[in-house]
Amino acid sequence: MKILGVILAAGLSSRFKGNKLLFKYNEKPLLQWTIDLLNNFEFDKLIIVNEKWKEFKDIFHYNNYKIIENPDYKSGISSSVKIAINYALDNSYDNVLIFLGDMPLIPKEIIEQIISKKTEKFIIAPYYNGKKGFPTLIKKDLFNDILKLKGDAGIKQIIKKHPEYVEIIDTNFPEITVDFDYKT
């Protein structure tokens, strides 16, 4: 099972009033938390960024990551997901594990549960109190459907239409749903 870990970091940060990936949480930029978390695992790693990446890329330590710029990032998250899926198809990955760059609190145990889960379903996702969290594993059986997505909803569109595709991992970790959309 060949896994590609993908961090989506091409958003506009429009609700945050500033680049949230640079925001320091416990003395470290938000995005670095996610980069460091994925570094605990042996799968290949990819970060999808926007055109501003070159302005601040030297702040981060990401030497074992492939970086791809999303020129269409303003059209929404699905454009970044499609870039990741195309990369996975071009490089023969079986699964894509999607992370968001603004979720620094995801416990390592959740990732271990997701990647070790055996199921015939196309999506494996953690849920806390009925709310879907991250990361989300997508199997190659669903890659072509994802390439048809539009807008800012990502794979939520598929989950809403086909909840039977999802293997739910119920968890007691609220951190899987905590992102930084607003500066307080």
N, C-alpha and C. Protein backbone atom coordinates (compact mmCIF):
# COMPACT_ATOMS: atom_id res chain seq x y z
N MET A 1 0.85 -1.19 0.00
CA MET A 1 0.00 0.00 0.00
C MET A 1 0.89 1.25 0.00
N LYS A 2 0.92 1.93 -1.12
CA LYS A 2 1.76 3.11 -1.28
C LYS A 2 0.93 4.36 -0.95
N ILE A 3 1.35 5.10 0.10
CA ILE A 3 0.59 6.26 0.58
C ILE A 3 1.34 7.55 0.26
N LEU A 4 0.58 8.55 -0.15
CA LEU A 4 1.09 9.91 -0.32
C LEU A 4 0.43 10.78 0.74
N GLY A 5 1.22 11.35 1.63
CA GLY A 5 0.71 12.30 2.61
C GLY A 5 0.73 13.69 2.00
N VAL A 6 -0.42 14.36 2.02
CA VAL A 6 -0.55 15.67 1.37
C VAL A 6 -1.03 16.71 2.37
N ILE A 7 -0.30 17.82 2.42
CA ILE A 7 -0.73 18.96 3.23
C ILE A 7 -1.28 20.02 2.28
N LEU A 8 -2.52 20.39 2.48
CA LEU A 8 -3.14 21.45 1.69
C LEU A 8 -2.83 22.78 2.37
N ALA A 9 -2.03 23.60 1.70
CA ALA A 9 -1.57 24.87 2.29
C ALA A 9 -1.64 26.00 1.27
N ALA A 10 -2.65 25.96 0.42
CA ALA A 10 -2.77 26.97 -0.64
C ALA A 10 -3.94 27.92 -0.43
N GLY A 11 -4.54 27.89 0.74
CA GLY A 11 -5.74 28.70 0.98
C GLY A 11 -5.45 30.19 1.05
N LEU A 12 -6.51 30.96 1.06
CA LEU A 12 -6.42 32.42 1.07
C LEU A 12 -6.27 33.01 2.47
N SER A 13 -6.60 32.26 3.51
CA SER A 13 -6.59 32.76 4.89
C SER A 13 -7.47 34.00 5.02
N SER A 14 -8.55 34.06 4.27
CA SER A 14 -9.38 35.26 4.23
C SER A 14 -10.08 35.57 5.55
N ARG A 15 -10.49 34.56 6.29
CA ARG A 15 -11.14 34.81 7.58
C ARG A 15 -10.13 35.11 8.68
N PHE A 16 -8.88 34.77 8.45
CA PHE A 16 -7.85 34.87 9.48
C PHE A 16 -7.21 36.25 9.56
N LYS A 17 -7.28 37.04 8.53
CA LYS A 17 -6.67 38.37 8.47
C LYS A 17 -5.15 38.27 8.60
N GLY A 18 -4.56 37.64 7.62
CA GLY A 18 -3.11 37.42 7.60
C GLY A 18 -2.86 35.99 7.17
N ASN A 19 -1.61 35.67 6.92
CA ASN A 19 -1.28 34.31 6.50
C ASN A 19 -1.24 33.40 7.72
N LYS A 20 -2.26 32.59 7.88
CA LYS A 20 -2.35 31.76 9.08
C LYS A 20 -1.28 30.69 9.17
N LEU A 21 -0.72 30.28 8.05
CA LEU A 21 0.33 29.26 8.09
C LEU A 21 1.59 29.78 8.78
N LEU A 22 1.76 31.09 8.81
CA LEU A 22 2.89 31.71 9.48
C LEU A 22 2.60 32.03 10.95
N PHE A 23 1.33 31.98 11.33
CA PHE A 23 0.93 32.29 12.70
C PHE A 23 1.63 31.34 13.68
N LYS A 24 2.22 31.92 14.70
CA LYS A 24 2.96 31.10 15.67
C LYS A 24 2.02 30.56 16.74
N TYR A 25 1.99 29.26 16.84
CA TYR A 25 1.26 28.55 17.88
C TYR A 25 2.32 27.83 18.71
N ASN A 26 2.40 28.15 19.97
CA ASN A 26 3.46 27.60 20.84
C ASN A 26 4.84 27.73 20.20
N GLU A 27 5.12 28.92 19.73
CA GLU A 27 6.45 29.31 19.20
C GLU A 27 6.83 28.67 17.87
N LYS A 28 5.87 28.06 17.18
CA LYS A 28 6.17 27.42 15.90
C LYS A 28 5.04 27.76 14.92
N PRO A 29 5.36 28.08 13.66
CA PRO A 29 4.30 28.38 12.68
C PRO A 29 3.35 27.19 12.52
N LEU A 30 2.08 27.50 12.30
CA LEU A 30 1.06 26.45 12.18
C LEU A 30 1.46 25.35 11.19
N LEU A 31 1.90 25.74 10.02
CA LEU A 31 2.24 24.74 9.01
C LEU A 31 3.37 23.83 9.46
N GLN A 32 4.33 24.35 10.22
CA GLN A 32 5.45 23.52 10.66
C GLN A 32 4.98 22.39 11.57
N TRP A 33 3.91 22.63 12.34
CA TRP A 33 3.36 21.58 13.19
C TRP A 33 2.93 20.38 12.35
N THR A 34 2.24 20.66 11.25
CA THR A 34 1.76 19.58 10.39
C THR A 34 2.92 18.90 9.67
N ILE A 35 3.87 19.68 9.19
CA ILE A 35 5.06 19.12 8.55
C ILE A 35 5.77 18.16 9.52
N ASP A 36 5.97 18.62 10.74
CA ASP A 36 6.66 17.79 11.74
C ASP A 36 5.88 16.52 12.07
N LEU A 37 4.56 16.62 12.12
CA LEU A 37 3.73 15.45 12.39
C LEU A 37 3.91 14.40 11.30
N LEU A 38 3.85 14.80 10.05
CA LEU A 38 4.01 13.85 8.95
C LEU A 38 5.41 13.25 8.90
N ASN A 39 6.39 13.98 9.40
CA ASN A 39 7.76 13.46 9.42
C ASN A 39 7.92 12.24 10.32
N ASN A 40 6.92 11.93 11.13
CA ASN A 40 6.94 10.72 11.95
C ASN A 40 6.63 9.47 11.15
N PHE A 41 6.27 9.63 9.88
CA PHE A 41 5.82 8.51 9.08
C PHE A 41 6.69 8.35 7.84
N GLU A 42 6.73 7.12 7.33
CA GLU A 42 7.61 6.77 6.21
C GLU A 42 7.00 7.02 4.84
N PHE A 43 5.73 7.41 4.75
CA PHE A 43 5.15 7.63 3.43
C PHE A 43 5.71 8.91 2.79
N ASP A 44 5.57 8.99 1.46
CA ASP A 44 6.01 10.18 0.72
C ASP A 44 5.14 11.37 1.09
N LYS A 45 5.71 12.57 0.92
CA LYS A 45 5.03 13.77 1.38
C LYS A 45 5.01 14.85 0.30
N LEU A 46 3.88 15.57 0.28
CA LEU A 46 3.65 16.62 -0.71
C LEU A 46 2.94 17.78 -0.02
N ILE A 47 3.34 19.00 -0.36
CA ILE A 47 2.63 20.19 0.12
C ILE A 47 2.12 20.95 -1.10
N ILE A 48 0.82 21.25 -1.10
CA ILE A 48 0.23 22.07 -2.15
C ILE A 48 0.18 23.50 -1.62
N VAL A 49 0.82 24.42 -2.32
CA VAL A 49 0.95 25.81 -1.87
C VAL A 49 0.38 26.75 -2.92
N ASN A 50 0.31 28.04 -2.57
CA ASN A 50 -0.08 29.04 -3.55
C ASN A 50 1.13 29.88 -3.95
N GLU A 51 0.88 30.89 -4.76
CA GLU A 51 1.97 31.70 -5.32
C GLU A 51 2.79 32.46 -4.27
N LYS A 52 2.24 32.63 -3.08
CA LYS A 52 2.95 33.36 -2.02
C LYS A 52 4.03 32.52 -1.34
N TRP A 53 4.06 31.23 -1.59
CA TRP A 53 5.00 30.30 -0.95
C TRP A 53 6.44 30.79 -1.04
N LYS A 54 6.84 31.27 -2.20
CA LYS A 54 8.24 31.67 -2.40
C LYS A 54 8.64 32.83 -1.48
N GLU A 55 7.67 33.59 -0.99
CA GLU A 55 7.95 34.72 -0.09
C GLU A 55 8.34 34.25 1.32
N PHE A 56 7.87 33.09 1.74
CA PHE A 56 8.12 32.66 3.12
C PHE A 56 8.59 31.22 3.26
N LYS A 57 8.90 30.56 2.16
CA LYS A 57 9.27 29.14 2.21
C LYS A 57 10.49 28.86 3.09
N ASP A 58 11.39 29.83 3.22
CA ASP A 58 12.61 29.61 4.01
C ASP A 58 12.35 29.55 5.52
N ILE A 59 11.16 29.90 5.94
CA ILE A 59 10.79 29.83 7.36
C ILE A 59 10.60 28.37 7.80
N PHE A 60 10.25 27.51 6.84
CA PHE A 60 9.88 26.14 7.16
C PHE A 60 11.00 25.15 6.89
N HIS A 61 10.97 24.04 7.63
CA HIS A 61 11.90 22.92 7.44
C HIS A 61 11.10 21.77 6.82
N TYR A 62 11.28 21.54 5.54
CA TYR A 62 10.44 20.59 4.81
C TYR A 62 11.27 19.81 3.78
N ASN A 63 12.50 19.52 4.09
CA ASN A 63 13.44 19.00 3.09
C ASN A 63 13.04 17.68 2.45
N ASN A 64 12.17 16.88 3.03
CA ASN A 64 11.78 15.61 2.40
C ASN A 64 10.39 15.69 1.74
N TYR A 65 9.96 16.89 1.43
CA TYR A 65 8.65 17.11 0.82
C TYR A 65 8.79 17.57 -0.62
N LYS A 66 7.86 17.14 -1.45
CA LYS A 66 7.70 17.69 -2.79
C LYS A 66 6.74 18.87 -2.64
N ILE A 67 7.05 19.98 -3.30
CA ILE A 67 6.20 21.17 -3.24
C ILE A 67 5.60 21.39 -4.63
N ILE A 68 4.28 21.59 -4.68
CA ILE A 68 3.61 21.92 -5.94
C ILE A 68 2.76 23.16 -5.72
N GLU A 69 2.93 24.13 -6.60
CA GLU A 69 2.13 25.34 -6.52
C GLU A 69 0.80 25.14 -7.25
N ASN A 70 -0.26 25.60 -6.62
CA ASN A 70 -1.59 25.55 -7.21
C ASN A 70 -1.90 26.92 -7.82
N PRO A 71 -1.84 27.07 -9.14
CA PRO A 71 -2.11 28.37 -9.75
C PRO A 71 -3.60 28.76 -9.67
N ASP A 72 -4.47 27.79 -9.39
CA ASP A 72 -5.91 28.01 -9.36
C ASP A 72 -6.46 28.01 -7.93
N TYR A 73 -5.60 28.30 -6.94
CA TYR A 73 -5.99 28.16 -5.53
C TYR A 73 -7.19 29.02 -5.14
N LYS A 74 -7.42 30.13 -5.83
CA LYS A 74 -8.54 31.02 -5.48
C LYS A 74 -9.89 30.38 -5.76
N SER A 75 -9.91 29.32 -6.56
CA SER A 75 -11.18 28.66 -6.88
C SER A 75 -11.64 27.70 -5.78
N GLY A 76 -10.81 27.47 -4.79
CA GLY A 76 -11.24 26.65 -3.66
C GLY A 76 -10.38 25.41 -3.44
N ILE A 77 -10.69 24.74 -2.35
CA ILE A 77 -9.89 23.61 -1.89
C ILE A 77 -9.89 22.44 -2.88
N SER A 78 -10.97 22.28 -3.62
CA SER A 78 -11.02 21.15 -4.54
C SER A 78 -9.92 21.23 -5.60
N SER A 79 -9.49 22.45 -5.95
CA SER A 79 -8.41 22.58 -6.93
C SER A 79 -7.10 22.01 -6.38
N SER A 80 -6.86 22.20 -5.10
CA SER A 80 -5.65 21.64 -4.47
C SER A 80 -5.76 20.12 -4.33
N VAL A 81 -6.93 19.65 -3.97
CA VAL A 81 -7.14 18.20 -3.85
C VAL A 81 -6.90 17.53 -5.20
N LYS A 82 -7.39 18.14 -6.27
CA LYS A 82 -7.21 17.57 -7.62
C LYS A 82 -5.73 17.53 -8.03
N ILE A 83 -4.97 18.54 -7.65
CA ILE A 83 -3.53 18.52 -7.93
C ILE A 83 -2.88 17.34 -7.22
N ALA A 84 -3.25 17.13 -5.97
CA ALA A 84 -2.71 16.00 -5.20
C ALA A 84 -3.09 14.67 -5.84
N ILE A 85 -4.32 14.55 -6.26
CA ILE A 85 -4.79 13.30 -6.87
C ILE A 85 -4.09 13.05 -8.21
N ASN A 86 -3.94 14.08 -9.01
CA ASN A 86 -3.21 13.92 -10.28
C ASN A 86 -1.77 13.49 -10.03
N TYR A 87 -1.14 14.08 -9.02
CA TYR A 87 0.23 13.68 -8.68
C TYR A 87 0.25 12.21 -8.25
N ALA A 88 -0.73 11.81 -7.46
CA ALA A 88 -0.82 10.42 -7.00
C ALA A 88 -1.01 9.46 -8.18
N LEU A 89 -1.86 9.83 -9.10
CA LEU A 89 -2.08 9.00 -10.29
C LEU A 89 -0.81 8.89 -11.14
N ASP A 90 -0.14 10.01 -11.34
CA ASP A 90 1.08 10.03 -12.15
C ASP A 90 2.22 9.23 -11.52
N ASN A 91 2.16 9.04 -10.19
CA ASN A 91 3.25 8.38 -9.48
C ASN A 91 2.83 7.07 -8.82
N SER A 92 1.71 6.51 -9.25
CA SER A 92 1.24 5.18 -8.85
C SER A 92 1.03 4.99 -7.35
N TYR A 93 0.41 5.98 -6.70
CA TYR A 93 0.06 5.83 -5.28
C TYR A 93 -1.28 5.11 -5.15
N ASP A 94 -1.40 4.31 -4.11
CA ASP A 94 -2.65 3.60 -3.83
C ASP A 94 -3.61 4.44 -3.01
N ASN A 95 -3.05 5.31 -2.18
CA ASN A 95 -3.86 6.10 -1.25
C ASN A 95 -3.26 7.50 -1.11
N VAL A 96 -4.15 8.47 -0.87
CA VAL A 96 -3.73 9.83 -0.55
C VAL A 96 -4.30 10.14 0.83
N LEU A 97 -3.43 10.63 1.71
CA LEU A 97 -3.83 10.99 3.07
C LEU A 97 -3.77 12.51 3.17
N ILE A 98 -4.94 13.15 3.25
CA ILE A 98 -5.07 14.60 3.18
C ILE A 98 -5.05 15.23 4.57
N PHE A 99 -4.18 16.23 4.72
CA PHE A 99 -4.08 17.05 5.93
C PHE A 99 -4.32 18.50 5.54
N LEU A 100 -4.75 19.30 6.51
CA LEU A 100 -4.86 20.74 6.29
C LEU A 100 -3.70 21.41 7.03
N GLY A 101 -3.14 22.43 6.42
CA GLY A 101 -1.98 23.11 6.99
C GLY A 101 -2.27 23.92 8.24
N ASP A 102 -3.55 24.11 8.56
CA ASP A 102 -3.89 24.93 9.73
C ASP A 102 -4.47 24.09 10.88
N MET A 103 -4.10 22.82 10.94
CA MET A 103 -4.58 21.94 12.00
C MET A 103 -3.39 21.33 12.74
N PRO A 104 -2.80 22.07 13.67
CA PRO A 104 -1.55 21.63 14.32
C PRO A 104 -1.72 20.63 15.45
N LEU A 105 -2.93 20.28 15.81
CA LEU A 105 -3.15 19.48 17.02
C LEU A 105 -3.49 18.02 16.78
N ILE A 106 -3.45 17.56 15.56
CA ILE A 106 -3.84 16.18 15.26
C ILE A 106 -2.88 15.21 15.95
N PRO A 107 -3.41 14.28 16.75
CA PRO A 107 -2.54 13.31 17.42
C PRO A 107 -2.00 12.25 16.45
N LYS A 108 -0.78 11.86 16.67
CA LYS A 108 -0.11 10.84 15.85
C LYS A 108 -0.92 9.53 15.83
N GLU A 109 -1.57 9.21 16.94
CA GLU A 109 -2.35 7.96 17.04
C GLU A 109 -3.47 7.89 16.01
N ILE A 110 -4.05 9.03 15.69
CA ILE A 110 -5.13 9.05 14.70
C ILE A 110 -4.61 8.61 13.33
N ILE A 111 -3.45 9.13 12.96
CA ILE A 111 -2.85 8.76 11.67
C ILE A 111 -2.55 7.26 11.67
N GLU A 112 -2.01 6.76 12.76
CA GLU A 112 -1.70 5.33 12.85
C GLU A 112 -2.95 4.48 12.70
N GLN A 113 -4.06 4.91 13.31
CA GLN A 113 -5.33 4.18 13.18
C GLN A 113 -5.82 4.18 11.74
N ILE A 114 -5.73 5.33 11.09
CA ILE A 114 -6.23 5.46 9.72
C ILE A 114 -5.42 4.58 8.77
N ILE A 115 -4.10 4.66 8.84
CA ILE A 115 -3.30 3.92 7.86
C ILE A 115 -3.26 2.42 8.12
N SER A 116 -3.63 2.01 9.33
CA SER A 116 -3.66 0.57 9.61
C SER A 116 -5.05 -0.04 9.45
N LYS A 117 -6.06 0.78 9.21
CA LYS A 117 -7.44 0.30 9.09
C LYS A 117 -7.63 -0.51 7.81
N LYS A 118 -8.19 -1.69 7.94
CA LYS A 118 -8.51 -2.54 6.78
C LYS A 118 -10.00 -2.39 6.48
N THR A 119 -10.29 -1.95 5.26
CA THR A 119 -11.68 -1.76 4.86
C THR A 119 -11.78 -1.75 3.34
N GLU A 120 -12.94 -2.09 2.84
CA GLU A 120 -13.21 -2.02 1.41
C GLU A 120 -13.74 -0.64 1.01
N LYS A 121 -14.04 0.19 1.99
CA LYS A 121 -14.59 1.52 1.69
C LYS A 121 -13.51 2.41 1.09
N PHE A 122 -13.95 3.44 0.36
CA PHE A 122 -13.04 4.29 -0.41
C PHE A 122 -12.39 5.41 0.40
N ILE A 123 -13.01 5.77 1.52
CA ILE A 123 -12.54 6.89 2.34
C ILE A 123 -12.46 6.41 3.79
N ILE A 124 -11.39 6.79 4.47
CA ILE A 124 -11.28 6.53 5.91
C ILE A 124 -11.07 7.88 6.58
N ALA A 125 -11.94 8.19 7.55
CA ALA A 125 -11.87 9.51 8.19
C ALA A 125 -12.19 9.41 9.67
N PRO A 126 -11.50 10.21 10.47
CA PRO A 126 -11.82 10.27 11.90
C PRO A 126 -13.01 11.21 12.14
N TYR A 127 -13.82 10.84 13.11
CA TYR A 127 -14.96 11.67 13.50
C TYR A 127 -14.93 11.89 15.00
N TYR A 128 -15.29 13.09 15.41
CA TYR A 128 -15.43 13.41 16.82
C TYR A 128 -16.82 13.98 17.03
N ASN A 129 -17.60 13.34 17.90
CA ASN A 129 -18.99 13.76 18.16
C ASN A 129 -19.78 13.97 16.87
N GLY A 130 -19.62 13.06 15.92
CA GLY A 130 -20.37 13.12 14.68
C GLY A 130 -19.83 14.09 13.65
N LYS A 131 -18.75 14.79 13.95
CA LYS A 131 -18.16 15.76 13.02
C LYS A 131 -16.90 15.17 12.40
N LYS A 132 -16.83 15.23 11.06
CA LYS A 132 -15.66 14.73 10.36
C LYS A 132 -14.46 15.60 10.65
N GLY A 133 -13.33 14.93 10.85
CA GLY A 133 -12.07 15.63 11.07
C GLY A 133 -11.04 15.25 10.03
N PHE A 134 -9.80 15.50 10.35
CA PHE A 134 -8.66 15.20 9.48
C PHE A 134 -7.60 14.46 10.26
N PRO A 135 -6.76 13.71 9.56
CA PRO A 135 -6.62 13.58 8.11
C PRO A 135 -7.68 12.64 7.53
N THR A 136 -7.79 12.69 6.20
CA THR A 136 -8.73 11.85 5.47
C THR A 136 -7.96 11.02 4.45
N LEU A 137 -8.13 9.71 4.51
CA LEU A 137 -7.48 8.83 3.55
C LEU A 137 -8.43 8.54 2.41
N ILE A 138 -7.92 8.69 1.18
CA ILE A 138 -8.71 8.43 -0.02
C ILE A 138 -8.01 7.33 -0.81
N LYS A 139 -8.77 6.30 -1.14
CA LYS A 139 -8.22 5.19 -1.93
C LYS A 139 -8.29 5.50 -3.42
N LYS A 140 -7.39 4.88 -4.18
CA LYS A 140 -7.29 5.16 -5.62
C LYS A 140 -8.58 4.85 -6.38
N ASP A 141 -9.44 3.99 -5.85
CA ASP A 141 -10.72 3.69 -6.49
C ASP A 141 -11.58 4.95 -6.67
N LEU A 142 -11.30 5.96 -5.86
CA LEU A 142 -12.11 7.19 -5.87
C LEU A 142 -11.41 8.35 -6.59
N PHE A 143 -10.17 8.16 -7.01
CA PHE A 143 -9.38 9.25 -7.59
C PHE A 143 -10.08 9.92 -8.77
N ASN A 144 -10.62 9.14 -9.70
CA ASN A 144 -11.25 9.74 -10.87
C ASN A 144 -12.50 10.54 -10.52
N ASP A 145 -13.25 10.12 -9.52
CA ASP A 145 -14.41 10.89 -9.06
C ASP A 145 -13.97 12.22 -8.47
N ILE A 146 -12.87 12.21 -7.76
CA ILE A 146 -12.38 13.44 -7.13
C ILE A 146 -11.94 14.45 -8.18
N LEU A 147 -11.42 13.98 -9.28
CA LEU A 147 -10.99 14.89 -10.34
C LEU A 147 -12.14 15.67 -10.97
N LYS A 148 -13.37 15.25 -10.69
CA LYS A 148 -14.55 15.95 -11.21
C LYS A 148 -15.09 17.01 -10.24
N LEU A 149 -14.49 17.14 -9.05
CA LEU A 149 -14.97 18.09 -8.04
C LEU A 149 -14.78 19.53 -8.50
N LYS A 150 -15.63 20.41 -7.94
CA LYS A 150 -15.52 21.84 -8.18
C LYS A 150 -15.78 22.58 -6.87
N GLY A 151 -15.23 23.80 -6.76
CA GLY A 151 -15.56 24.67 -5.65
C GLY A 151 -14.70 24.48 -4.42
N ASP A 152 -15.23 24.93 -3.30
CA ASP A 152 -14.46 25.01 -2.07
C ASP A 152 -14.85 23.95 -1.04
N ALA A 153 -15.45 22.85 -1.46
CA ALA A 153 -15.90 21.85 -0.50
C ALA A 153 -15.02 20.61 -0.44
N GLY A 154 -14.08 20.45 -1.35
CA GLY A 154 -13.23 19.27 -1.33
C GLY A 154 -14.03 17.98 -1.41
N ILE A 155 -13.56 16.95 -0.71
CA ILE A 155 -14.24 15.66 -0.80
C ILE A 155 -15.53 15.61 0.03
N LYS A 156 -15.83 16.69 0.75
CA LYS A 156 -17.11 16.75 1.46
C LYS A 156 -18.27 16.52 0.50
N GLN A 157 -18.08 16.97 -0.74
CA GLN A 157 -19.13 16.80 -1.76
C GLN A 157 -19.42 15.31 -1.97
N ILE A 158 -18.38 14.52 -2.04
CA ILE A 158 -18.55 13.08 -2.26
C ILE A 158 -19.11 12.42 -1.01
N ILE A 159 -18.62 12.81 0.14
CA ILE A 159 -19.10 12.22 1.41
C ILE A 159 -20.59 12.52 1.60
N LYS A 160 -21.00 13.72 1.26
CA LYS A 160 -22.41 14.09 1.41
C LYS A 160 -23.29 13.25 0.48
N LYS A 161 -22.82 13.05 -0.75
CA LYS A 161 -23.59 12.29 -1.73
C LYS A 161 -23.53 10.78 -1.48
N HIS A 162 -22.39 10.30 -0.98
CA HIS A 162 -22.18 8.87 -0.77
C HIS A 162 -21.60 8.58 0.62
N PRO A 163 -22.39 8.75 1.67
CA PRO A 163 -21.86 8.47 3.01
C PRO A 163 -21.44 7.01 3.19
N GLU A 164 -21.96 6.14 2.35
CA GLU A 164 -21.60 4.72 2.44
C GLU A 164 -20.15 4.47 1.99
N TYR A 165 -19.51 5.44 1.39
CA TYR A 165 -18.11 5.31 0.98
C TYR A 165 -17.14 5.45 2.15
N VAL A 166 -17.64 5.95 3.29
CA VAL A 166 -16.76 6.35 4.38
C VAL A 166 -16.67 5.31 5.49
N GLU A 167 -15.46 4.93 5.80
CA GLU A 167 -15.17 4.13 7.00
C GLU A 167 -14.87 5.15 8.10
N ILE A 168 -15.77 5.21 9.07
CA ILE A 168 -15.65 6.18 10.15
C ILE A 168 -14.82 5.61 11.28
N ILE A 169 -13.86 6.40 11.73
CA ILE A 169 -13.10 6.05 12.93
C ILE A 169 -13.55 7.03 14.01
N ASP A 170 -14.40 6.54 14.93
CA ASP A 170 -14.84 7.39 16.03
C ASP A 170 -13.68 7.58 17.00
N THR A 171 -13.50 8.82 17.42
CA THR A 171 -12.38 9.13 18.30
C THR A 171 -12.80 10.06 19.43
N ASN A 172 -12.04 10.06 20.47
CA ASN A 172 -12.25 10.97 21.60
C ASN A 172 -11.32 12.18 21.50
N PHE A 173 -10.71 12.40 20.35
CA PHE A 173 -9.79 13.51 20.16
C PHE A 173 -10.48 14.67 19.43
N PRO A 174 -10.90 15.71 20.14
CA PRO A 174 -11.51 16.86 19.45
C PRO A 174 -10.50 17.58 18.55
N GLU A 175 -9.22 17.34 18.76
CA GLU A 175 -8.17 18.00 17.98
C GLU A 175 -8.29 17.75 16.47
N ILE A 176 -8.93 16.66 16.10
CA ILE A 176 -9.05 16.33 14.67
C ILE A 176 -9.96 17.30 13.93
N THR A 177 -10.71 18.12 14.69
CA THR A 177 -11.64 19.06 14.09
C THR A 177 -11.22 20.53 14.32
N VAL A 178 -10.10 20.74 14.99
CA VAL A 178 -9.69 22.09 15.37
C VAL A 178 -8.75 22.69 14.34
N ASP A 179 -9.26 23.72 13.64
CA ASP A 179 -8.40 24.46 12.73
C ASP A 179 -8.34 25.90 13.20
N PHE A 180 -7.49 26.67 12.59
CA PHE A 180 -7.28 28.06 12.96
C PHE A 180 -7.80 28.96 11.86
N ASP A 181 -9.12 29.20 11.85
CA ASP A 181 -9.70 30.05 10.82
C ASP A 181 -9.77 31.52 11.22
N TYR A 182 -9.73 31.78 12.51
CA TYR A 182 -9.84 33.15 12.99
C TYR A 182 -8.73 33.44 13.99
N LYS A 183 -8.16 34.63 13.88
CA LYS A 183 -7.16 35.09 14.84
C LYS A 183 -7.90 35.66 16.02
N THR A 184 -7.53 35.23 17.23
CA THR A 184 -8.22 35.76 18.42
C THR A 184 -7.38 36.78 19.14
